[in-house]
């Protein structure tokens, strides 16, 4: 399986049993733009072209039309994702330059100013996208079928895009990485962001920032948000649904996108 490998282990219980367990791979991935490394993340070595494109958009480095090409180079100690930008993105790249190096659970490692961490993001454009409670539950229930790496390892996060069905899903050991890979995959496949981003993780401020940069009007998460994430979702025009498990979920912002009567997605 891409992004995982079997690893020897001993199971201690009533008896000791040798064998193997499939575990996710975690490698250093450098994200380089026009030949200069902008970030180094520990990530699952799959869908790295998507990762580079998604990171460029969600971190405000480049718009999709400013990306010329993406190449992935495999080295002895990791991967280098080389993203080549058009000249008009150079000034923005210089302004946003930073070096990130940290654990997979950290989305802000290496940012050198409070302004960068709390950067403004665009307000999601109004749309006719609405969901019924039944559709919210369907979106959450559809996610496990897309989590093949999680099923094999029980150690990765998932992010999917749902609009009546799952249009795309990505997994990674890091929740931010999984979301960036989803965003990049959507851009590369021409999937319009009119739908819901479904997450297996908690929702922090930086996750809302990334969804706002994508332009999706709704987040559905199985875990809880932070208070600041709710504030940002409200300000960004995003409906934030969290703690979506079984028949229950909680809506924290822009509740007008929830319809009590049955209706088509759109």
Protein backbone atom coordinates (compact mmCIF):
# COMPACT_ATOMS: atom_id res chain seq x y z
CA UNK A 1 0.00 0.00 0.00
CA UNK A 2 1.34 3.42 -0.97
CA UNK A 3 2.36 5.31 2.17
CA UNK A 4 2.51 2.27 4.47
CA UNK A 5 4.71 -0.74 5.09
CA UNK A 6 4.58 -3.89 7.25
CA UNK A 7 6.66 -3.72 10.43
CA UNK A 8 7.65 -6.65 12.69
CA UNK A 9 6.21 -6.60 16.23
CA UNK A 10 5.35 -8.80 19.22
CA UNK A 11 1.81 -8.95 20.62
CA UNK A 12 1.64 -9.51 24.39
CA UNK A 13 -1.64 -10.95 25.68
CA UNK A 14 -2.52 -14.35 27.06
CA UNK A 15 0.44 -15.45 24.96
CA UNK A 16 3.23 -13.78 23.02
CA UNK A 17 2.65 -13.76 19.27
CA UNK A 18 5.19 -12.55 16.68
CA UNK A 19 4.03 -11.05 13.42
CA UNK A 20 3.69 -7.83 11.48
CA UNK A 21 1.57 -4.70 11.59
CA UNK A 22 1.11 -2.31 8.69
CA UNK A 23 2.18 1.19 9.78
CA UNK A 24 2.01 4.52 7.94
CA UNK A 25 5.25 5.89 6.56
CA UNK A 26 6.42 9.29 7.76
CA UNK A 27 9.15 11.09 5.85
CA UNK A 28 10.55 14.59 5.68
CA UNK A 29 8.90 16.43 2.80
CA UNK A 30 10.43 19.71 1.65
CA UNK A 31 8.06 22.09 -0.11
CA UNK A 32 10.16 24.21 -2.44
CA UNK A 33 8.99 27.09 -4.59
CA UNK A 34 11.08 28.29 -7.52
CA UNK A 35 14.07 26.43 -6.12
CA UNK A 36 13.88 27.71 -2.53
CA UNK A 37 12.60 25.57 0.34
CA UNK A 38 9.63 27.21 2.01
CA UNK A 39 8.62 24.48 4.47
CA UNK A 40 9.68 21.06 5.71
CA UNK A 41 6.91 18.83 7.03
CA UNK A 42 6.79 15.26 8.26
CA UNK A 43 4.22 13.66 5.98
CA UNK A 44 2.99 10.46 4.38
CA UNK A 45 4.81 10.06 1.02
CA UNK A 46 1.67 9.83 -1.13
CA UNK A 47 -0.17 12.39 -3.27
CA UNK A 48 2.76 14.79 -2.92
CA UNK A 49 1.94 16.73 -6.10
CA UNK A 50 -1.44 17.49 -4.54
CA UNK A 51 0.35 18.48 -1.33
CA UNK A 52 2.50 21.05 -3.09
CA UNK A 53 -0.39 22.64 -4.99
CA UNK A 54 -2.68 22.66 -1.96
CA UNK A 55 -0.06 24.13 0.34
CA UNK A 56 0.65 26.90 -2.17
CA UNK A 57 -3.00 27.95 -2.19
CA UNK A 58 -3.92 27.50 1.47
CA UNK A 59 -0.82 29.33 2.70
CA UNK A 60 -1.36 32.26 0.33
CA UNK A 61 1.79 31.61 -1.70
CA UNK A 62 0.22 31.28 -5.13
CA UNK A 63 -3.10 31.04 -6.90
CA UNK A 64 -3.77 27.98 -9.09
CA UNK A 65 -3.16 29.85 -12.33
CA UNK A 66 0.27 30.96 -11.06
CA UNK A 67 1.54 27.37 -10.71
CA UNK A 68 3.46 26.21 -13.78
CA UNK A 69 4.52 22.72 -12.75
CA UNK A 70 5.13 20.37 -9.81
CA UNK A 71 7.93 17.80 -9.61
CA UNK A 72 8.66 15.35 -6.79
CA UNK A 73 12.28 14.37 -6.24
CA UNK A 74 13.10 11.36 -4.07
CA UNK A 75 16.22 11.66 -1.92
CA UNK A 76 17.93 9.32 0.54
CA UNK A 77 16.32 11.05 3.54
CA UNK A 78 13.02 12.32 2.20
CA UNK A 79 11.18 13.97 -0.66
CA UNK A 80 11.50 17.40 -2.26
CA UNK A 81 8.32 18.76 -3.81
CA UNK A 82 9.46 21.35 -6.35
CA UNK A 83 6.70 23.81 -7.26
CA UNK A 84 7.48 26.23 -10.08
CA UNK A 85 5.57 29.51 -10.08
CA UNK A 86 4.94 32.20 -12.65
CA UNK A 87 6.85 35.49 -12.23
CA UNK A 88 3.79 37.32 -10.85
CA UNK A 89 3.87 35.10 -7.75
CA UNK A 90 7.47 36.00 -6.87
CA UNK A 91 6.63 39.07 -4.78
CA UNK A 92 4.02 37.19 -2.81
CA UNK A 93 6.43 34.34 -2.25
CA UNK A 94 9.05 36.70 -0.82
CA UNK A 95 6.50 38.33 1.46
CA UNK A 96 5.25 34.98 2.77
CA UNK A 97 8.66 33.32 3.12
CA UNK A 98 9.08 31.16 6.17
CA UNK A 99 10.72 27.91 7.21
CA UNK A 100 8.61 25.28 8.91
CA UNK A 101 10.11 22.25 10.62
CA UNK A 102 8.15 20.43 13.24
CA UNK A 103 5.97 17.47 14.24
CA UNK A 104 3.00 16.43 12.15
CA UNK A 105 0.49 17.79 14.67
CA UNK A 106 1.78 21.35 14.34
CA UNK A 107 0.40 23.68 11.71
CA UNK A 108 2.22 26.88 12.66
CA UNK A 109 5.78 25.72 13.39
CA UNK A 110 8.33 28.23 12.23
CA UNK A 111 6.03 31.18 11.61
CA UNK A 112 7.98 34.19 12.81
CA UNK A 113 5.20 36.69 13.48
CA UNK A 114 1.78 36.81 15.12
CA UNK A 115 0.41 38.53 12.02
CA UNK A 116 1.32 35.50 9.91
CA UNK A 117 -0.37 33.09 12.32
CA UNK A 118 -3.52 35.23 12.47
CA UNK A 119 -3.53 36.25 8.82
CA UNK A 120 -6.73 37.45 7.22
CA UNK A 121 -8.44 35.12 4.78
CA UNK A 122 -11.10 35.81 2.16
CA UNK A 123 -14.78 35.59 2.99
CA UNK A 124 -16.40 32.63 1.25
CA UNK A 125 -18.76 33.82 -1.47
CA UNK A 126 -22.51 33.37 -0.86
CA UNK A 127 -23.97 30.31 -2.55
CA UNK A 128 -27.11 28.21 -2.71
CA UNK A 129 -25.34 25.25 -1.09
CA UNK A 130 -27.52 23.80 1.68
CA UNK A 131 -27.68 20.45 3.46
CA UNK A 132 -30.36 18.71 5.48
CA UNK A 133 -29.43 16.96 8.74
CA UNK A 134 -29.80 13.65 6.92
CA UNK A 135 -27.27 14.75 4.31
CA UNK A 136 -24.81 15.85 7.00
CA UNK A 137 -25.01 12.38 8.53
CA UNK A 138 -24.60 10.82 5.06
CA UNK A 139 -21.46 12.87 4.46
CA UNK A 140 -19.90 11.67 7.71
CA UNK A 141 -21.00 8.08 7.14
CA UNK A 142 -19.39 8.09 3.68
CA UNK A 143 -15.92 8.98 4.99
CA UNK A 144 -14.82 5.58 6.41
CA UNK A 145 -15.05 3.95 2.98
CA UNK A 146 -12.42 6.45 1.74
CA UNK A 147 -9.97 5.77 4.60
CA UNK A 148 -8.06 2.81 3.25
CA UNK A 149 -4.76 3.84 4.83
CA UNK A 150 -6.48 4.41 8.17
CA UNK A 151 -8.11 0.98 7.96
CA UNK A 152 -4.71 -0.61 7.44
CA UNK A 153 -2.81 1.41 10.06
CA UNK A 154 -5.23 3.17 12.46
CA UNK A 155 -2.78 6.06 12.51
CA UNK A 156 -3.70 8.69 9.90
CA UNK A 157 -6.14 11.55 9.42
CA UNK A 158 -8.58 11.92 6.55
CA UNK A 159 -10.08 14.84 4.63
CA UNK A 160 -12.77 14.50 1.97
CA UNK A 161 -14.93 16.72 -0.20
CA UNK A 162 -18.63 15.87 -0.30
CA UNK A 163 -21.39 17.16 -2.55
CA UNK A 164 -24.01 14.44 -2.63
CA UNK A 165 -21.16 11.91 -2.64
CA UNK A 166 -17.45 11.92 -1.88
CA UNK A 167 -15.76 13.51 -4.88
CA UNK A 168 -12.22 13.21 -3.51
CA UNK A 169 -10.45 12.11 -0.33
CA UNK A 170 -6.89 12.24 0.94
CA UNK A 171 -5.08 10.81 4.00
CA UNK A 172 -1.89 11.68 5.87
CA UNK A 173 -0.26 11.31 9.27
CA UNK A 174 -0.79 15.06 9.68
CA UNK A 175 -4.28 16.58 9.67
CA UNK A 176 -3.05 19.77 7.99
CA UNK A 177 -1.25 17.71 5.35
CA UNK A 178 -4.38 15.67 4.61
CA UNK A 179 -6.36 18.88 4.08
CA UNK A 180 -3.67 20.43 1.87
CA UNK A 181 -3.56 17.25 -0.23
CA UNK A 182 -7.34 17.37 -0.61
CA UNK A 183 -7.24 21.03 -1.69
CA UNK A 184 -4.44 20.36 -4.16
CA UNK A 185 -6.21 17.33 -5.58
CA UNK A 186 -9.38 19.35 -6.08
CA UNK A 187 -7.50 22.10 -7.89
CA UNK A 188 -5.63 19.67 -10.12
CA UNK A 189 -8.85 17.81 -11.01
CA UNK A 190 -10.94 20.93 -11.51
CA UNK A 191 -13.42 20.19 -8.71
CA UNK A 192 -15.39 23.31 -7.80
CA UNK A 193 -15.44 24.00 -4.04
CA UNK A 194 -19.24 24.09 -3.72
CA UNK A 195 -19.68 21.43 -1.07
CA UNK A 196 -18.52 20.35 2.36
CA UNK A 197 -15.01 19.56 3.56
CA UNK A 198 -15.31 16.54 5.87
CA UNK A 199 -12.56 16.04 8.44
CA UNK A 200 -11.66 13.26 10.87
CA UNK A 201 -9.76 15.70 13.08
CA UNK A 202 -10.43 18.57 15.44
CA UNK A 203 -10.90 22.00 13.84
CA UNK A 204 -8.33 24.63 14.74
CA UNK A 205 -7.96 28.15 13.38
CA UNK A 206 -5.46 27.15 10.72
CA UNK A 207 -7.78 24.44 9.39
CA UNK A 208 -10.51 27.05 8.92
CA UNK A 209 -7.99 29.35 7.22
CA UNK A 210 -7.17 26.63 4.69
CA UNK A 211 -10.84 25.92 3.91
CA UNK A 212 -11.49 29.65 3.50
CA UNK A 213 -8.62 29.87 0.99
CA UNK A 214 -10.23 26.99 -0.92
CA UNK A 215 -13.57 28.80 -0.85
CA UNK A 216 -15.70 25.92 0.46
CA UNK A 217 -18.81 27.03 2.39
CA UNK A 218 -18.97 24.20 4.94
CA UNK A 219 -16.78 22.14 7.26
CA UNK A 220 -18.05 18.93 8.84
CA UNK A 221 -15.76 17.41 11.49
CA UNK A 222 -16.08 14.41 13.76
CA UNK A 223 -14.17 16.20 16.56
CA UNK A 224 -14.59 19.54 18.32
CA UNK A 225 -13.46 23.00 17.17
CA UNK A 226 -11.60 25.60 19.15
CA UNK A 227 -13.45 28.76 20.16
CA UNK A 228 -11.20 30.81 17.88
CA UNK A 229 -11.93 28.48 14.95
CA UNK A 230 -15.64 29.15 15.44
CA UNK A 231 -15.01 32.90 15.46
CA UNK A 232 -13.01 32.67 12.23
CA UNK A 233 -15.61 30.45 10.55
CA UNK A 234 -18.31 32.99 11.41
CA UNK A 235 -16.22 35.87 10.06
CA UNK A 236 -15.27 33.91 6.92
CA UNK A 237 -18.80 32.90 5.98
CA UNK A 238 -18.23 29.18 6.66
CA UNK A 239 -20.76 26.86 8.24
CA UNK A 240 -18.88 24.90 10.89
CA UNK A 241 -20.41 21.58 11.92
CA UNK A 242 -18.49 19.52 14.47
CA UNK A 243 -18.81 16.58 16.85
CA UNK A 244 -20.62 14.77 14.05
CA UNK A 245 -20.93 11.23 15.31
CA UNK A 246 -23.83 8.87 14.82
CA UNK A 247 -27.12 10.75 14.76
CA UNK A 248 -25.76 13.84 16.52
CA UNK A 249 -23.86 16.89 15.38
CA UNK A 250 -23.49 20.50 16.49
CA UNK A 251 -23.58 23.60 14.29
CA UNK A 252 -21.46 26.56 15.47
CA UNK A 253 -21.69 29.13 12.66
CA UNK A 254 -23.89 30.13 9.72
CA UNK A 255 -26.72 27.79 10.64
CA UNK A 256 -28.75 29.06 7.67
CA UNK A 257 -27.07 26.43 5.46
CA UNK A 258 -28.90 23.68 7.39
CA UNK A 259 -32.35 22.89 6.01
CA UNK A 260 -34.82 20.90 8.08
CA UNK A 261 -36.81 19.71 5.08
CA UNK A 262 -35.39 17.20 2.64
CA UNK A 263 -33.78 18.94 -0.33
CA UNK A 264 -31.30 18.31 -3.07
CA UNK A 265 -27.70 19.42 -2.64
CA UNK A 266 -26.95 22.51 -4.69
